[in-house]
Amino acid sequence: MSLVSFCILIGAIAFALGFLLLLAPDSVRKLNELSAKMIAKIDTLTFSYRIGFGVSLIIAALFMFFMAYYFTKRH
């Protein structure tokens, strides 16, 4: 996996989770229950500050997309 595709993958995951935290927090809670058995549990603090975390994830996703764009134009 190249660095560009890794940046795009991480950016897409962060973007999707950020929008879900902002618009559909109940779906993130259901996803949390499902993923708690497989991966890790999302802390309840995340749901307390869901708007801040959602906006932060969207900003991080935009940064990752910019880095992917930068890496493609650099080479």
C-alpha atoms as a PDB file:
ATOM      1  CA  MET A   1       0.000   0.000   0.000  1.00  0.00           C
ATOM      2  CA  SER A   2       1.465   3.302  -1.041  1.00  0.00           C
ATOM      3  CA  LEU A   3       1.571   6.394   1.119  1.00  0.00           C
ATOM      4  CA  VAL A   4      -1.030   8.172  -1.007  1.00  0.00           C
ATOM      5  CA  SER A   5      -3.563   5.367  -0.767  1.00  0.00           C
ATOM      6  CA  PHE A   6      -2.912   5.096   2.978  1.00  0.00           C
ATOM      7  CA  CYS A   7      -3.621   8.832   3.396  1.00  0.00           C
ATOM      8  CA  ILE A   8      -6.809   8.514   1.373  1.00  0.00           C
ATOM      9  CA  LEU A   9      -7.953   5.482   3.383  1.00  0.00           C
ATOM     10  CA  ILE A  10      -7.330   7.129   6.754  1.00  0.00           C
ATOM     11  CA  GLY A  11      -8.917  10.353   5.508  1.00  0.00           C
ATOM     12  CA  ALA A  12     -12.033   8.551   4.296  1.00  0.00           C
ATOM     13  CA  ILE A  13     -12.458   6.699   7.592  1.00  0.00           C
ATOM     14  CA  ALA A  14     -11.984   9.873   9.637  1.00  0.00           C
ATOM     15  CA  PHE A  15     -14.355  11.815   7.371  1.00  0.00           C
ATOM     16  CA  ALA A  16     -17.081   9.176   7.599  1.00  0.00           C
ATOM     17  CA  LEU A  17     -16.764   8.822  11.378  1.00  0.00           C
ATOM     18  CA  GLY A  18     -16.746  12.598  11.818  1.00  0.00           C
ATOM     19  CA  PHE A  19     -19.949  13.039   9.837  1.00  0.00           C
ATOM     20  CA  LEU A  20     -21.587  10.162  11.654  1.00  0.00           C
ATOM     21  CA  LEU A  21     -20.688  11.725  15.005  1.00  0.00           C
ATOM     22  CA  LEU A  22     -22.228  15.006  13.904  1.00  0.00           C
ATOM     23  CA  LEU A  23     -25.333  13.771  12.104  1.00  0.00           C
ATOM     24  CA  ALA A  24     -26.135  10.278  13.381  1.00  0.00           C
ATOM     25  CA  PRO A  25     -24.583   9.593  16.783  1.00  0.00           C
ATOM     26  CA  ASP A  26     -26.940   6.668  17.396  1.00  0.00           C
ATOM     27  CA  SER A  27     -25.437   4.795  14.456  1.00  0.00           C
ATOM     28  CA  VAL A  28     -21.968   5.340  15.916  1.00  0.00           C
ATOM     29  CA  ARG A  29     -23.198   3.889  19.224  1.00  0.00           C
ATOM     30  CA  LYS A  30     -24.462   0.802  17.384  1.00  0.00           C
ATOM     31  CA  LEU A  31     -21.162   0.563  15.523  1.00  0.00           C
ATOM     32  CA  ASN A  32     -19.385   0.876  18.871  1.00  0.00           C
ATOM     33  CA  GLU A  33     -21.304  -2.070  20.297  1.00  0.00           C
ATOM     34  CA  LEU A  34     -20.431  -4.154  17.256  1.00  0.00           C
ATOM     35  CA  SER A  35     -16.768  -3.166  17.196  1.00  0.00           C
ATOM     36  CA  ALA A  36     -16.282  -3.583  20.952  1.00  0.00           C
ATOM     37  CA  LYS A  37     -16.208  -7.326  20.405  1.00  0.00           C
ATOM     38  CA  MET A  38     -13.715  -7.108  17.549  1.00  0.00           C
ATOM     39  CA  ILE A  39     -11.508  -4.031  17.846  1.00  0.00           C
ATOM     40  CA  ALA A  40     -11.848  -1.480  20.627  1.00  0.00           C
ATOM     41  CA  LYS A  41     -14.520   0.365  22.485  1.00  0.00           C
ATOM     42  CA  ILE A  42     -15.103   4.062  21.804  1.00  0.00           C
ATOM     43  CA  ASP A  43     -15.039   5.912  25.088  1.00  0.00           C
ATOM     44  CA  THR A  44     -18.195   7.560  26.423  1.00  0.00           C
ATOM     45  CA  LEU A  45     -16.209  10.790  26.592  1.00  0.00           C
ATOM     46  CA  THR A  46     -16.280  10.795  22.786  1.00  0.00           C
ATOM     47  CA  PHE A  47     -20.058  10.863  22.858  1.00  0.00           C
ATOM     48  CA  SER A  48     -20.082  13.615  25.479  1.00  0.00           C
ATOM     49  CA  TYR A  49     -18.081  15.885  23.183  1.00  0.00           C
ATOM     50  CA  ARG A  50     -19.301  14.429  19.892  1.00  0.00           C
ATOM     51  CA  ILE A  51     -19.478  17.769  18.050  1.00  0.00           C
ATOM     52  CA  GLY A  52     -15.882  18.641  18.910  1.00  0.00           C
ATOM     53  CA  PHE A  53     -14.647  15.176  18.026  1.00  0.00           C
ATOM     54  CA  GLY A  54     -16.686  15.152  14.814  1.00  0.00           C
ATOM     55  CA  VAL A  55     -15.315  18.489  13.633  1.00  0.00           C
ATOM     56  CA  SER A  56     -11.789  17.459  14.625  1.00  0.00           C
ATOM     57  CA  LEU A  57     -12.080  14.229  12.634  1.00  0.00           C
ATOM     58  CA  ILE A  58     -13.333  16.096   9.572  1.00  0.00           C
ATOM     59  CA  ILE A  59     -10.417  18.545   9.818  1.00  0.00           C
ATOM     60  CA  ALA A  60      -7.987  15.633  10.171  1.00  0.00           C
ATOM     61  CA  ALA A  61      -9.575  13.948   7.143  1.00  0.00           C
ATOM     62  CA  LEU A  62      -9.214  17.105   5.066  1.00  0.00           C
ATOM     63  CA  PHE A  63      -5.565  17.286   6.104  1.00  0.00           C
ATOM     64  CA  MET A  64      -5.033  13.654   5.052  1.00  0.00           C
ATOM     65  CA  PHE A  65      -6.664  14.332   1.681  1.00  0.00           C
ATOM     66  CA  PHE A  66      -4.390  17.358   1.249  1.00  0.00           C
ATOM     67  CA  MET A  67      -1.348  15.249   2.093  1.00  0.00           C
ATOM     68  CA  ALA A  68      -2.404  12.636  -0.470  1.00  0.00           C
ATOM     69  CA  TYR A  69      -2.782  15.394  -3.070  1.00  0.00           C
ATOM     70  CA  TYR A  70       0.590  16.846  -2.101  1.00  0.00           C
ATOM     71  CA  PHE A  71       2.332  13.476  -2.403  1.00  0.00           C
ATOM     72  CA  THR A  72       0.854  12.871  -5.872  1.00  0.00           C
ATOM     73  CA  LYS A  73       1.934  16.298  -7.138  1.00  0.00           C
ATOM     74  CA  ARG A  74       5.373  16.039  -5.558  1.00  0.00           C
ATOM     75  CA  HIS A  75       6.396  12.911  -7.467  1.00  0.00           C
END
